[in-house]
Amino acid sequence: MSDAVEENDTVAAPLDAAEVVDGRSDVERERDEYLDALQRLQADFENYRKRVARSSMDAGVRAAGDVVAKMLPVLDAFDLAEAHFAGAPSKEGEALTQARGLLLDTLAKEGLERIDGVGVAFDPQVHDAVAHVEGEGDQVIDEVLRAGYRWKGAVLRPAMVRVKG
């Protein structure tokens, strides 16, 4: 029986309160570190996702602008054809004018703006002066020789103009 008593006598020593608090604070500290790391990782991923989306959108706008820039000679040809038929109205002239208007309206809905305007102040950012006529006052556009265009606010091609003043 003495053997049985000895087995029952081995009781676990009670845990010290300081040990429990230290163990818990280590676990809480580790948990907080993991939480902070996770939050930083989540924020980094969100920033990356936004940056990739913005980059993708910018690439799409640039690609569309390149296509529109390649279409500018077509618009110039329509302008010349319209000027040619302006003196003598005909069915062909009306058809060309309608086709030109349809193309310009479609491109305008996507972000193309025409730069011209006789009588407006000369702006070297949007105008390319190729001729000058003497006049009084500030420099203004006297004649638009070739229309310029903006694509989504950025100058795609400056307007070729004659300046007066």
N, C-alpha and C. Protein backbone atom coordinates (compact mmCIF):
# COMPACT_ATOMS: atom_id res chain seq x y z
N MET A 1 0.78 -1.18 0.00
CA MET A 1 0.00 0.00 0.00
C MET A 1 0.83 1.25 0.00
N SER A 2 1.97 1.13 0.51
CA SER A 2 2.82 2.31 0.53
C SER A 2 3.15 2.79 -0.87
N ASP A 3 3.22 1.86 -1.83
CA ASP A 3 3.47 2.27 -3.22
C ASP A 3 2.30 3.08 -3.75
N ALA A 4 1.10 2.71 -3.40
CA ALA A 4 -0.08 3.41 -3.88
C ALA A 4 -0.14 4.81 -3.30
N VAL A 5 0.29 4.96 -2.07
CA VAL A 5 0.26 6.26 -1.43
C VAL A 5 1.27 7.18 -2.08
N GLU A 6 2.40 6.64 -2.43
CA GLU A 6 3.43 7.47 -3.04
C GLU A 6 2.98 8.02 -4.39
N GLU A 7 2.25 7.20 -5.15
CA GLU A 7 1.77 7.69 -6.46
C GLU A 7 0.80 8.82 -6.29
N ASN A 8 -0.06 8.77 -5.33
CA ASN A 8 -1.06 9.81 -5.13
C ASN A 8 -0.44 11.07 -4.51
N ASP A 9 0.71 10.95 -3.89
CA ASP A 9 1.34 12.09 -3.24
C ASP A 9 1.97 13.06 -4.23
N THR A 10 2.23 12.65 -5.46
CA THR A 10 2.86 13.57 -6.43
C THR A 10 1.79 14.47 -7.03
N VAL A 11 1.66 15.60 -6.51
CA VAL A 11 0.68 16.59 -6.97
C VAL A 11 1.44 17.70 -7.68
N ALA A 12 0.86 18.21 -8.75
CA ALA A 12 1.52 19.28 -9.51
C ALA A 12 1.63 20.51 -8.65
N ALA A 13 2.77 21.16 -8.77
CA ALA A 13 2.98 22.37 -7.98
C ALA A 13 2.09 23.47 -8.55
N PRO A 14 1.48 24.25 -7.71
CA PRO A 14 0.61 25.33 -8.20
C PRO A 14 1.42 26.34 -9.01
N LEU A 15 0.80 26.87 -10.09
CA LEU A 15 1.47 27.85 -10.94
C LEU A 15 1.52 29.19 -10.24
N ASP A 16 2.63 29.82 -10.42
CA ASP A 16 2.82 31.15 -9.86
C ASP A 16 2.06 32.14 -10.74
N ALA A 17 1.40 33.12 -10.18
CA ALA A 17 0.62 34.10 -10.92
C ALA A 17 1.51 34.90 -11.88
N ALA A 18 2.72 35.19 -11.48
CA ALA A 18 3.64 35.95 -12.34
C ALA A 18 3.98 35.16 -13.59
N GLU A 19 4.14 33.82 -13.44
CA GLU A 19 4.45 32.97 -14.60
C GLU A 19 3.28 32.97 -15.58
N VAL A 20 2.08 32.92 -15.07
CA VAL A 20 0.89 32.92 -15.93
C VAL A 20 0.79 34.24 -16.68
N VAL A 21 1.01 35.35 -16.01
CA VAL A 21 0.94 36.67 -16.64
C VAL A 21 2.04 36.82 -17.68
N ASP A 22 3.26 36.37 -17.36
CA ASP A 22 4.36 36.46 -18.32
C ASP A 22 4.07 35.62 -19.55
N GLY A 23 3.57 34.41 -19.34
CA GLY A 23 3.24 33.53 -20.46
C GLY A 23 2.15 34.13 -21.32
N ARG A 24 1.16 34.71 -20.70
CA ARG A 24 0.05 35.31 -21.44
C ARG A 24 0.51 36.57 -22.17
N SER A 25 1.34 37.38 -21.52
CA SER A 25 1.81 38.60 -22.18
C SER A 25 2.70 38.27 -23.37
N ASP A 26 3.48 37.18 -23.28
CA ASP A 26 4.28 36.76 -24.44
C ASP A 26 3.38 36.34 -25.59
N VAL A 27 2.34 35.61 -25.29
CA VAL A 27 1.40 35.17 -26.32
C VAL A 27 0.67 36.38 -26.91
N GLU A 28 0.25 37.31 -26.06
CA GLU A 28 -0.45 38.50 -26.56
C GLU A 28 0.49 39.36 -27.41
N ARG A 29 1.73 39.49 -26.98
CA ARG A 29 2.70 40.27 -27.74
C ARG A 29 2.93 39.63 -29.12
N GLU A 30 3.06 38.31 -29.13
CA GLU A 30 3.26 37.60 -30.40
C GLU A 30 2.03 37.76 -31.30
N ARG A 31 0.85 37.65 -30.68
CA ARG A 31 -0.39 37.85 -31.44
C ARG A 31 -0.44 39.25 -32.04
N ASP A 32 -0.10 40.27 -31.26
CA ASP A 32 -0.11 41.64 -31.74
C ASP A 32 0.89 41.86 -32.87
N GLU A 33 2.05 41.22 -32.77
CA GLU A 33 3.05 41.33 -33.83
C GLU A 33 2.52 40.72 -35.13
N TYR A 34 1.89 39.55 -35.02
CA TYR A 34 1.31 38.92 -36.21
C TYR A 34 0.18 39.77 -36.79
N LEU A 35 -0.64 40.36 -35.95
CA LEU A 35 -1.72 41.22 -36.39
C LEU A 35 -1.17 42.45 -37.12
N ASP A 36 -0.15 43.07 -36.55
CA ASP A 36 0.48 44.22 -37.20
C ASP A 36 1.07 43.84 -38.56
N ALA A 37 1.76 42.70 -38.60
CA ALA A 37 2.35 42.25 -39.87
C ALA A 37 1.27 41.99 -40.90
N LEU A 38 0.17 41.38 -40.46
CA LEU A 38 -0.93 41.10 -41.37
C LEU A 38 -1.56 42.39 -41.89
N GLN A 39 -1.75 43.36 -41.02
CA GLN A 39 -2.33 44.64 -41.44
C GLN A 39 -1.42 45.37 -42.41
N ARG A 40 -0.10 45.33 -42.16
CA ARG A 40 0.84 45.96 -43.10
C ARG A 40 0.80 45.26 -44.45
N LEU A 41 0.77 43.94 -44.43
CA LEU A 41 0.71 43.16 -45.66
C LEU A 41 -0.58 43.45 -46.43
N GLN A 42 -1.67 43.57 -45.71
CA GLN A 42 -2.95 43.87 -46.34
C GLN A 42 -2.92 45.27 -46.96
N ALA A 43 -2.36 46.24 -46.29
CA ALA A 43 -2.25 47.61 -46.82
C ALA A 43 -1.33 47.64 -48.03
N ASP A 44 -0.21 46.92 -47.96
CA ASP A 44 0.71 46.86 -49.10
C ASP A 44 0.03 46.25 -50.32
N PHE A 45 -0.75 45.20 -50.12
CA PHE A 45 -1.45 44.55 -51.22
C PHE A 45 -2.49 45.49 -51.82
N GLU A 46 -3.21 46.21 -50.98
CA GLU A 46 -4.23 47.16 -51.47
C GLU A 46 -3.56 48.27 -52.29
N ASN A 47 -2.44 48.79 -51.82
CA ASN A 47 -1.71 49.80 -52.58
C ASN A 47 -1.22 49.25 -53.91
N TYR A 48 -0.72 48.03 -53.90
CA TYR A 48 -0.26 47.37 -55.13
C TYR A 48 -1.42 47.21 -56.11
N ARG A 49 -2.56 46.77 -55.62
CA ARG A 49 -3.73 46.57 -56.47
C ARG A 49 -4.17 47.89 -57.11
N LYS A 50 -4.19 48.97 -56.34
CA LYS A 50 -4.56 50.28 -56.87
C LYS A 50 -3.54 50.77 -57.90
N ARG A 51 -2.25 50.56 -57.63
CA ARG A 51 -1.19 50.98 -58.54
C ARG A 51 -1.29 50.23 -59.87
N VAL A 52 -1.55 48.93 -59.81
CA VAL A 52 -1.68 48.13 -61.04
C VAL A 52 -2.92 48.57 -61.82
N ALA A 53 -4.01 48.83 -61.15
CA ALA A 53 -5.24 49.28 -61.83
C ALA A 53 -5.01 50.62 -62.50
N ARG A 54 -4.34 51.54 -61.81
CA ARG A 54 -4.06 52.86 -62.38
C ARG A 54 -3.12 52.74 -63.57
N SER A 55 -2.11 51.90 -63.46
CA SER A 55 -1.16 51.69 -64.56
C SER A 55 -1.86 51.07 -65.77
N SER A 56 -2.74 50.14 -65.53
CA SER A 56 -3.48 49.49 -66.61
C SER A 56 -4.39 50.50 -67.31
N MET A 57 -5.04 51.35 -66.53
CA MET A 57 -5.92 52.35 -67.11
C MET A 57 -5.11 53.36 -67.93
N ASP A 58 -3.96 53.79 -67.42
CA ASP A 58 -3.10 54.72 -68.15
C ASP A 58 -2.62 54.11 -69.46
N ALA A 59 -2.27 52.84 -69.44
CA ALA A 59 -1.82 52.16 -70.66
C ALA A 59 -2.94 52.11 -71.68
N GLY A 60 -4.16 51.88 -71.24
CA GLY A 60 -5.31 51.87 -72.15
C GLY A 60 -5.56 53.22 -72.77
N VAL A 61 -5.44 54.28 -71.98
CA VAL A 61 -5.64 55.64 -72.50
C VAL A 61 -4.55 55.97 -73.51
N ARG A 62 -3.29 55.59 -73.22
CA ARG A 62 -2.20 55.85 -74.16
C ARG A 62 -2.40 55.08 -75.46
N ALA A 63 -2.82 53.83 -75.36
CA ALA A 63 -3.04 53.02 -76.56
C ALA A 63 -4.16 53.61 -77.41
N ALA A 64 -5.24 54.03 -76.77
CA ALA A 64 -6.34 54.65 -77.52
C ALA A 64 -5.87 55.96 -78.14
N GLY A 65 -5.06 56.73 -77.43
CA GLY A 65 -4.52 57.97 -77.97
C GLY A 65 -3.65 57.73 -79.18
N ASP A 66 -2.87 56.64 -79.17
CA ASP A 66 -2.04 56.29 -80.33
C ASP A 66 -2.91 55.97 -81.54
N VAL A 67 -4.00 55.24 -81.33
CA VAL A 67 -4.90 54.91 -82.44
C VAL A 67 -5.53 56.18 -83.00
N VAL A 68 -5.97 57.06 -82.11
CA VAL A 68 -6.60 58.32 -82.55
C VAL A 68 -5.58 59.18 -83.30
N ALA A 69 -4.33 59.21 -82.82
CA ALA A 69 -3.28 59.99 -83.50
C ALA A 69 -3.07 59.47 -84.93
N LYS A 70 -3.19 58.17 -85.11
CA LYS A 70 -3.04 57.60 -86.45
C LYS A 70 -4.23 57.93 -87.35
N MET A 71 -5.36 58.31 -86.73
CA MET A 71 -6.56 58.66 -87.50
C MET A 71 -6.61 60.14 -87.87
N LEU A 72 -5.73 60.95 -87.32
CA LEU A 72 -5.76 62.38 -87.60
C LEU A 72 -5.61 62.71 -89.09
N PRO A 73 -4.77 62.00 -89.85
CA PRO A 73 -4.73 62.28 -91.29
C PRO A 73 -6.08 62.03 -91.99
N VAL A 74 -6.86 61.09 -91.49
CA VAL A 74 -8.20 60.85 -92.04
C VAL A 74 -9.08 62.07 -91.79
N LEU A 75 -9.01 62.60 -90.56
CA LEU A 75 -9.78 63.81 -90.25
C LEU A 75 -9.32 64.98 -91.10
N ASP A 76 -8.01 65.09 -91.33
CA ASP A 76 -7.49 66.16 -92.19
C ASP A 76 -8.03 66.01 -93.61
N ALA A 77 -8.09 64.78 -94.12
CA ALA A 77 -8.62 64.54 -95.47
C ALA A 77 -10.09 64.93 -95.53
N PHE A 78 -10.85 64.61 -94.50
CA PHE A 78 -12.26 65.02 -94.45
C PHE A 78 -12.37 66.55 -94.45
N ASP A 79 -11.51 67.23 -93.69
CA ASP A 79 -11.53 68.70 -93.66
C ASP A 79 -11.26 69.27 -95.05
N LEU A 80 -10.25 68.73 -95.74
CA LEU A 80 -9.92 69.21 -97.09
C LEU A 80 -11.07 68.93 -98.06
N ALA A 81 -11.68 67.76 -97.96
CA ALA A 81 -12.80 67.43 -98.85
C ALA A 81 -13.99 68.34 -98.57
N GLU A 82 -14.25 68.62 -97.32
CA GLU A 82 -15.36 69.52 -96.98
C GLU A 82 -15.09 70.93 -97.52
N ALA A 83 -13.84 71.40 -97.39
CA ALA A 83 -13.49 72.73 -97.94
C ALA A 83 -13.63 72.73 -99.45
N HIS A 84 -13.29 71.64 -100.11
CA HIS A 84 -13.39 71.55 -101.58
C HIS A 84 -14.84 71.62 -102.04
N PHE A 85 -15.73 70.92 -101.33
CA PHE A 85 -17.14 70.88 -101.73
C PHE A 85 -17.95 72.05 -101.18
N ALA A 86 -17.35 72.93 -100.39
CA ALA A 86 -18.07 74.04 -99.78
C ALA A 86 -18.60 75.02 -100.83
N GLY A 87 -17.88 75.21 -101.92
CA GLY A 87 -18.29 76.17 -102.95
C GLY A 87 -19.42 75.66 -103.82
N ALA A 88 -19.50 74.37 -104.03
CA ALA A 88 -20.51 73.79 -104.91
C ALA A 88 -21.20 72.64 -104.19
N PRO A 89 -22.37 72.90 -103.59
CA PRO A 89 -23.06 71.84 -102.86
C PRO A 89 -23.42 70.65 -103.78
N SER A 90 -23.20 69.46 -103.27
CA SER A 90 -23.53 68.26 -104.03
C SER A 90 -23.84 67.13 -103.06
N LYS A 91 -24.37 66.05 -103.60
CA LYS A 91 -24.69 64.87 -102.78
C LYS A 91 -23.41 64.29 -102.17
N GLU A 92 -22.33 64.28 -102.95
CA GLU A 92 -21.06 63.75 -102.45
C GLU A 92 -20.53 64.60 -101.29
N GLY A 93 -20.65 65.91 -101.46
CA GLY A 93 -20.21 66.82 -100.40
C GLY A 93 -21.00 66.63 -99.12
N GLU A 94 -22.32 66.45 -99.26
CA GLU A 94 -23.16 66.21 -98.09
C GLU A 94 -22.79 64.89 -97.41
N ALA A 95 -22.53 63.88 -98.23
CA ALA A 95 -22.14 62.57 -97.67
C ALA A 95 -20.82 62.67 -96.92
N LEU A 96 -19.85 63.37 -97.49
CA LEU A 96 -18.56 63.54 -96.82
C LEU A 96 -18.71 64.33 -95.52
N THR A 97 -19.54 65.37 -95.55
CA THR A 97 -19.77 66.18 -94.35
C THR A 97 -20.42 65.34 -93.25
N GLN A 98 -21.38 64.50 -93.62
CA GLN A 98 -22.03 63.63 -92.64
C GLN A 98 -21.06 62.60 -92.08
N ALA A 99 -20.23 62.01 -92.95
CA ALA A 99 -19.25 61.02 -92.49
C ALA A 99 -18.25 61.66 -91.55
N ARG A 100 -17.79 62.85 -91.91
CA ARG A 100 -16.85 63.59 -91.05
C ARG A 100 -17.47 63.89 -89.69
N GLY A 101 -18.72 64.38 -89.72
CA GLY A 101 -19.41 64.69 -88.47
C GLY A 101 -19.61 63.47 -87.60
N LEU A 102 -19.95 62.34 -88.21
CA LEU A 102 -20.13 61.10 -87.46
C LEU A 102 -18.82 60.66 -86.81
N LEU A 103 -17.73 60.71 -87.56
CA LEU A 103 -16.43 60.33 -87.01
C LEU A 103 -16.01 61.27 -85.88
N LEU A 104 -16.17 62.57 -86.08
CA LEU A 104 -15.81 63.54 -85.03
C LEU A 104 -16.67 63.36 -83.79
N ASP A 105 -17.97 63.13 -83.96
CA ASP A 105 -18.85 62.94 -82.80
C ASP A 105 -18.46 61.69 -82.02
N THR A 106 -18.16 60.62 -82.74
CA THR A 106 -17.78 59.37 -82.08
C THR A 106 -16.49 59.55 -81.28
N LEU A 107 -15.50 60.19 -81.90
CA LEU A 107 -14.23 60.40 -81.21
C LEU A 107 -14.37 61.40 -80.06
N ALA A 108 -15.25 62.40 -80.24
CA ALA A 108 -15.47 63.38 -79.17
C ALA A 108 -16.09 62.71 -77.94
N LYS A 109 -16.96 61.74 -78.14
CA LYS A 109 -17.56 61.03 -77.01
C LYS A 109 -16.51 60.24 -76.24
N GLU A 110 -15.44 59.84 -76.91
CA GLU A 110 -14.37 59.08 -76.27
C GLU A 110 -13.30 59.97 -75.65
N GLY A 111 -13.30 61.29 -75.97
CA GLY A 111 -12.34 62.19 -75.33
C GLY A 111 -11.53 63.06 -76.27
N LEU A 112 -11.86 63.10 -77.56
CA LEU A 112 -11.12 63.93 -78.51
C LEU A 112 -11.74 65.32 -78.55
N GLU A 113 -10.89 66.34 -78.46
CA GLU A 113 -11.34 67.73 -78.56
C GLU A 113 -10.57 68.40 -79.70
N ARG A 114 -11.26 69.17 -80.49
CA ARG A 114 -10.64 69.89 -81.60
C ARG A 114 -10.10 71.22 -81.09
N ILE A 115 -8.88 71.55 -81.50
CA ILE A 115 -8.26 72.83 -81.12
C ILE A 115 -8.25 73.71 -82.36
N ASP A 116 -9.07 74.67 -82.37
CA ASP A 116 -8.99 75.72 -83.39
C ASP A 116 -9.76 76.91 -82.85
N GLY A 117 -9.99 77.85 -83.60
CA GLY A 117 -10.70 79.03 -83.13
C GLY A 117 -10.00 80.30 -83.58
N VAL A 118 -10.51 80.86 -84.64
CA VAL A 118 -9.99 82.13 -85.14
C VAL A 118 -10.39 83.21 -84.15
N GLY A 119 -9.45 84.09 -83.83
CA GLY A 119 -9.72 85.20 -82.93
C GLY A 119 -9.37 84.93 -81.48
N VAL A 120 -9.00 83.71 -81.13
CA VAL A 120 -8.61 83.44 -79.75
C VAL A 120 -7.13 83.80 -79.57
N ALA A 121 -6.74 84.01 -78.33
CA ALA A 121 -5.36 84.38 -78.03
C ALA A 121 -4.42 83.22 -78.39
N PHE A 122 -3.25 83.58 -78.91
CA PHE A 122 -2.24 82.59 -79.26
C PHE A 122 -1.69 81.97 -77.99
N ASP A 123 -1.64 80.64 -77.96
CA ASP A 123 -1.10 79.89 -76.84
C ASP A 123 -0.11 78.87 -77.38
N PRO A 124 1.20 79.05 -77.12
CA PRO A 124 2.19 78.13 -77.68
C PRO A 124 2.05 76.69 -77.18
N GLN A 125 1.28 76.49 -76.12
CA GLN A 125 1.04 75.12 -75.64
C GLN A 125 0.15 74.33 -76.60
N VAL A 126 -0.78 75.04 -77.27
CA VAL A 126 -1.74 74.35 -78.13
C VAL A 126 -1.71 74.81 -79.58
N HIS A 127 -0.92 75.83 -79.87
CA HIS A 127 -0.83 76.35 -81.23
C HIS A 127 0.61 76.28 -81.74
N ASP A 128 0.75 75.96 -83.01
CA ASP A 128 2.05 75.96 -83.68
C ASP A 128 1.99 77.05 -84.74
N ALA A 129 2.63 78.20 -84.45
CA ALA A 129 2.58 79.34 -85.37
C ALA A 129 3.56 79.11 -86.52
N VAL A 130 3.04 79.08 -87.74
CA VAL A 130 3.88 78.87 -88.91
C VAL A 130 3.92 80.11 -89.79
N ALA A 131 3.08 81.09 -89.49
CA ALA A 131 3.07 82.34 -90.25
C ALA A 131 2.64 83.46 -89.31
N HIS A 132 3.04 84.69 -89.69
CA HIS A 132 2.74 85.86 -88.86
C HIS A 132 2.28 86.99 -89.76
N VAL A 133 1.22 87.66 -89.34
CA VAL A 133 0.68 88.82 -90.06
C VAL A 133 0.74 90.00 -89.11
N GLU A 134 1.20 91.14 -89.62
CA GLU A 134 1.27 92.34 -88.79
C GLU A 134 -0.13 92.78 -88.39
N GLY A 135 -0.23 93.25 -87.16
CA GLY A 135 -1.50 93.75 -86.65
C GLY A 135 -1.28 94.43 -85.32
N GLU A 136 -2.32 95.05 -84.83
CA GLU A 136 -2.23 95.77 -83.56
C GLU A 136 -2.75 94.89 -82.43
N GLY A 137 -2.24 95.13 -81.24
CA GLY A 137 -2.72 94.43 -80.06
C GLY A 137 -2.01 93.12 -79.81
N ASP A 138 -2.65 92.30 -79.00
CA ASP A 138 -2.10 91.01 -78.63
C ASP A 138 -2.10 90.05 -79.81
N GLN A 139 -1.31 89.02 -79.68
CA GLN A 139 -1.25 88.01 -80.73
C GLN A 139 -2.50 87.12 -80.64
N VAL A 140 -3.22 87.07 -81.76
CA VAL A 140 -4.42 86.24 -81.85
C VAL A 140 -4.32 85.36 -83.08
N ILE A 141 -5.13 84.32 -83.11
CA ILE A 141 -5.14 83.41 -84.24
C ILE A 141 -5.89 84.08 -85.39
N ASP A 142 -5.22 84.22 -86.52
CA ASP A 142 -5.81 84.83 -87.71
C ASP A 142 -6.44 83.76 -88.61
N GLU A 143 -5.77 82.62 -88.73
CA GLU A 143 -6.28 81.54 -89.56
C GLU A 143 -5.74 80.21 -89.04
N VAL A 144 -6.59 79.20 -89.06
CA VAL A 144 -6.18 77.84 -88.68
C VAL A 144 -5.86 77.10 -89.97
N LEU A 145 -4.59 76.73 -90.13
CA LEU A 145 -4.16 76.03 -91.34
C LEU A 145 -4.38 74.52 -91.23
N ARG A 146 -4.22 73.98 -90.05
CA ARG A 146 -4.49 72.56 -89.79
C ARG A 146 -4.97 72.45 -88.34
N ALA A 147 -6.08 71.80 -88.17
CA ALA A 147 -6.68 71.68 -86.83
C ALA A 147 -5.76 70.88 -85.91
N GLY A 148 -5.78 71.26 -84.65
CA GLY A 148 -5.08 70.51 -83.63
C GLY A 148 -6.09 69.75 -82.79
N TYR A 149 -5.59 68.80 -82.01
CA TYR A 149 -6.50 67.97 -81.22
C TYR A 149 -5.93 67.70 -79.84
N ARG A 150 -6.83 67.56 -78.87
CA ARG A 150 -6.51 67.12 -77.51
C ARG A 150 -7.15 65.75 -77.32
N TRP A 151 -6.45 64.89 -76.62
CA TRP A 151 -7.01 63.59 -76.27
C TRP A 151 -7.06 63.49 -74.76
N LYS A 152 -8.27 63.50 -74.22
CA LYS A 152 -8.50 63.43 -72.77
C LYS A 152 -7.72 64.52 -72.04
N GLY A 153 -7.70 65.71 -72.61
CA GLY A 153 -7.07 66.86 -71.98
C GLY A 153 -5.62 67.11 -72.36
N ALA A 154 -4.94 66.12 -72.91
CA ALA A 154 -3.53 66.27 -73.30
C ALA A 154 -3.46 66.60 -74.80
N VAL A 155 -2.58 67.52 -75.16
CA VAL A 155 -2.45 67.91 -76.56
C VAL A 155 -1.88 66.74 -77.35
N LEU A 156 -2.66 66.29 -78.33
CA LEU A 156 -2.25 65.20 -79.20
C LEU A 156 -1.46 65.75 -80.38
N ARG A 157 -1.97 66.86 -80.92
CA ARG A 157 -1.29 67.55 -82.01
C ARG A 157 -1.66 69.01 -81.92
N PRO A 158 -0.67 69.92 -81.88
CA PRO A 158 -1.01 71.34 -81.80
C PRO A 158 -1.62 71.83 -83.13
N ALA A 159 -2.45 72.84 -83.04
CA ALA A 159 -3.06 73.43 -84.24
C ALA A 159 -2.00 74.26 -84.97
N MET A 160 -1.94 74.09 -86.29
CA MET A 160 -1.02 74.88 -87.11
C MET A 160 -1.78 76.15 -87.50
N VAL A 161 -1.22 77.31 -87.10
CA VAL A 161 -1.97 78.55 -87.25
C VAL A 161 -1.11 79.68 -87.83
N ARG A 162 -1.84 80.70 -88.30
CA ARG A 162 -1.22 81.96 -88.69
C ARG A 162 -1.62 82.95 -87.61
N VAL A 163 -0.63 83.69 -87.08
CA VAL A 163 -0.86 84.60 -85.95
C VAL A 163 -0.87 86.04 -86.46
N LYS A 164 -1.77 86.81 -85.87
CA LYS A 164 -1.87 88.23 -86.19
C LYS A 164 -1.58 89.01 -84.93
N GLY A 165 -0.75 90.06 -85.07
CA GLY A 165 -0.50 90.92 -83.92
C GLY A 165 0.94 91.03 -83.55
